[in-house]
Protein backbone atom coordinates (compact mmCIF):
# COMPACT_ATOMS: atom_id res chain seq x y z
CA UNK A 1 10.34 -17.34 5.54
CA UNK A 2 10.43 -13.67 3.90
CA UNK A 3 9.59 -10.84 5.97
CA UNK A 4 6.74 -9.08 4.36
CA UNK A 5 5.36 -5.39 5.00
CA UNK A 6 1.46 -4.96 4.63
CA UNK A 7 1.44 -0.67 4.29
CA UNK A 8 -1.59 1.53 4.39
CA UNK A 9 -1.21 4.73 2.71
CA UNK A 10 -3.66 7.95 2.28
CA UNK A 11 -5.36 10.74 3.95
CA UNK A 12 -8.29 9.86 6.42
CA UNK A 13 -9.25 13.78 5.56
CA UNK A 14 -9.87 13.42 1.89
CA UNK A 15 -12.63 10.65 1.49
CA UNK A 16 -11.79 7.64 -0.26
CA UNK A 17 -7.91 8.17 -0.03
CA UNK A 18 -8.43 6.75 3.55
CA UNK A 19 -8.92 3.38 1.90
CA UNK A 20 -5.76 1.83 2.52
CA UNK A 21 -5.53 3.43 6.10
CA UNK A 22 -9.13 1.60 6.81
CA UNK A 23 -7.69 -1.79 5.48
CA UNK A 24 -4.68 -2.00 7.48
CA UNK A 25 -6.65 -0.73 10.81
CA UNK A 26 -8.69 -3.69 10.20
CA UNK A 27 -5.99 -6.03 9.30
CA UNK A 28 -4.09 -4.84 12.52
CA UNK A 29 -6.99 -6.32 15.09
CA UNK A 30 -6.62 -9.55 13.36
CA UNK A 31 -3.98 -12.17 14.89
CA UNK A 32 -0.49 -10.93 14.23
CA UNK A 33 1.90 -13.33 12.15
CA UNK A 34 5.87 -13.02 13.19
CA UNK A 35 6.80 -12.60 9.52
CA UNK A 36 4.27 -9.69 8.41
CA UNK A 37 4.39 -6.03 9.89
CA UNK A 38 1.20 -4.25 8.99
CA UNK A 39 1.38 -0.58 9.48
CA UNK A 40 -0.35 2.75 9.00
CA UNK A 41 1.92 5.02 7.29
CA UNK A 42 -1.03 7.28 6.17
CA UNK A 43 0.82 10.50 4.68
CA UNK A 44 4.00 9.49 6.03
CA UNK A 45 5.41 8.80 2.37
CA UNK A 46 9.06 9.30 3.42
CA UNK A 47 9.08 7.21 6.70
CA UNK A 48 7.47 4.45 4.10
CA UNK A 49 10.70 4.89 1.59
CA UNK A 50 12.68 5.04 4.66
CA UNK A 51 10.91 1.55 5.92
CA UNK A 52 11.27 0.03 2.61
CA UNK A 53 14.84 0.86 2.06
CA UNK A 54 16.29 -0.48 5.05
CA UNK A 55 16.57 -3.94 3.96
CA UNK A 56 14.26 -5.44 6.76
CA UNK A 57 11.59 -6.32 4.00
CA UNK A 58 11.77 -9.06 1.13
CA UNK A 59 8.38 -7.88 0.09
CA UNK A 60 5.66 -5.30 0.52
CA UNK A 61 2.31 -4.91 -0.12
CA UNK A 62 1.27 -1.34 -0.26
CA UNK A 63 -2.61 -0.78 0.04
CA UNK A 64 -3.82 2.66 -1.41
CA UNK A 65 -6.68 4.61 -3.42
CA UNK A 66 -5.78 4.09 -6.65
CA UNK A 67 -7.60 5.96 -9.71
CA UNK A 68 -7.42 4.02 -12.79
CA UNK A 69 -10.67 4.72 -14.64
CA UNK A 70 -12.65 2.18 -13.15
CA UNK A 71 -15.82 1.69 -11.21
CA UNK A 72 -15.60 3.04 -7.77
CA UNK A 73 -14.84 0.15 -5.40
CA UNK A 74 -12.87 -1.88 -7.92
CA UNK A 75 -10.03 -3.49 -6.70
CA UNK A 76 -6.99 -3.78 -8.42
CA UNK A 77 -3.44 -5.78 -7.77
CA UNK A 78 -0.52 -3.86 -9.41
CA UNK A 79 3.07 -5.25 -9.69
CA UNK A 80 4.95 -2.18 -8.84
CA UNK A 81 8.52 -1.69 -10.57
CA UNK A 82 11.02 -0.32 -8.09
CA UNK A 83 13.33 0.48 -10.96
CA UNK A 84 10.53 2.79 -12.62
CA UNK A 85 10.84 6.39 -12.61
CA UNK A 86 8.16 8.80 -11.30
CA UNK A 87 7.37 12.10 -12.66
CA UNK A 88 5.24 12.90 -9.59
CA UNK A 89 7.01 15.85 -7.51
CA UNK A 90 8.12 14.40 -3.78
CA UNK A 91 5.58 16.26 -1.39
CA UNK A 92 6.97 14.44 1.68
CA UNK A 93 3.67 14.00 2.96
CA UNK A 94 1.57 12.94 -0.02
CA UNK A 95 4.00 10.44 -2.14
CA UNK A 96 1.98 8.18 -4.03
CA UNK A 97 3.56 4.25 -4.46
CA UNK A 98 5.33 5.09 -7.59
CA UNK A 99 6.76 8.06 -5.82
CA UNK A 100 7.98 6.11 -3.02
CA UNK A 101 9.82 3.83 -4.86
CA UNK A 102 11.01 6.23 -7.08
CA UNK A 103 12.34 7.79 -3.86
CA UNK A 104 13.92 4.72 -2.94
CA UNK A 105 15.76 3.96 -6.17
CA UNK A 106 17.14 7.39 -6.37
CA UNK A 107 18.68 7.25 -2.92
CA UNK A 108 20.21 4.00 -3.39
CA UNK A 109 18.04 1.76 -1.14
CA UNK A 110 16.78 -1.44 -2.21
CA UNK A 111 13.47 -3.04 -2.00
CA UNK A 112 12.40 -6.34 -2.78
CA UNK A 113 8.91 -7.38 -4.60
CA UNK A 114 6.42 -4.87 -4.45
CA UNK A 115 2.52 -5.24 -5.09
CA UNK A 116 0.15 -2.67 -4.45
CA UNK A 117 -3.81 -3.36 -3.73
CA UNK A 118 -5.41 -0.37 -5.04
CA UNK A 119 -9.10 0.64 -5.16
CA UNK A 120 -10.91 2.79 -7.33
CA UNK A 121 -12.08 5.80 -5.41
CA UNK A 122 -15.54 7.46 -5.66
CA UNK A 123 -14.39 10.95 -4.11
CA UNK A 124 -11.06 12.47 -2.83
CA UNK A 125 -12.66 15.88 -1.81
CA UNK A 126 -12.18 16.95 1.78
CA UNK A 127 -14.32 14.89 3.88
CA UNK A 128 -14.27 12.05 6.49
CA UNK A 129 -15.24 8.41 5.90
CA UNK A 130 -14.99 6.09 2.79
CA UNK A 131 -17.87 6.37 0.48
CA UNK A 132 -20.31 3.59 0.37
CA UNK A 133 -18.52 1.90 -2.71
CA UNK A 134 -15.26 2.04 -1.34
CA UNK A 135 -16.11 0.86 1.97
CA UNK A 136 -17.69 -2.10 0.41
CA UNK A 137 -14.22 -2.91 -0.61
CA UNK A 138 -12.51 -2.89 2.43
CA UNK A 139 -13.32 -6.75 3.41
CA UNK A 140 -12.36 -8.01 -0.11
CA UNK A 141 -9.49 -5.95 0.08
CA UNK A 142 -8.39 -7.66 3.38
CA UNK A 143 -9.09 -10.81 1.59
CA UNK A 144 -6.71 -9.95 -1.35
CA UNK A 145 -4.02 -8.64 1.10
CA UNK A 146 -3.84 -12.03 2.86
CA UNK A 147 -4.02 -13.80 -0.18
CA UNK A 148 -0.92 -12.28 -1.97
CA UNK A 149 0.84 -12.00 1.66
CA UNK A 150 0.33 -16.32 1.69
CA UNK A 151 1.80 -16.18 -2.05
CA UNK A 152 4.69 -14.01 -1.15
CA UNK A 153 5.70 -16.20 1.55
CA UNK A 154 5.58 -19.11 -0.32
CA UNK A 155 7.48 -17.42 -3.04
CA UNK A 156 11.34 -18.69 -3.29
CA UNK A 157 12.40 -15.63 -5.38
CA UNK A 158 11.04 -13.22 -2.45
CA UNK A 159 12.76 -14.85 0.25
């Protein structure tokens, strides 16, 4: 059975950027599975990169606010390509999933399949709490993460 990391990413002091943190906070309250680790990485992108490159996980689901031009609260599932190069600067405390995966690749690390569950933010300005549209997407995102994890557990190429 593959080991899966579910990682919440985001800054709770920037409104909807705290989406990933909120999703994993709520997932952490559920009964844990032995093959899945649910971790709040917040703004600790380098720690996430180390965790992904350490060979402990066969797959990862990163949960983050993901501006893509849709309506606020829209959920996305994105297949991340660990071989893709990011053009983002490596601010160690504010690394996007693309920058984290690029860092893993550049430092010689390996990570298995990586999926991103993203939510279209409404506001990323200094504030505490999620906007109404994004808050309403937390539970559907939790369901999405659970479905993706179940698929990854059954996926032979992920083991």
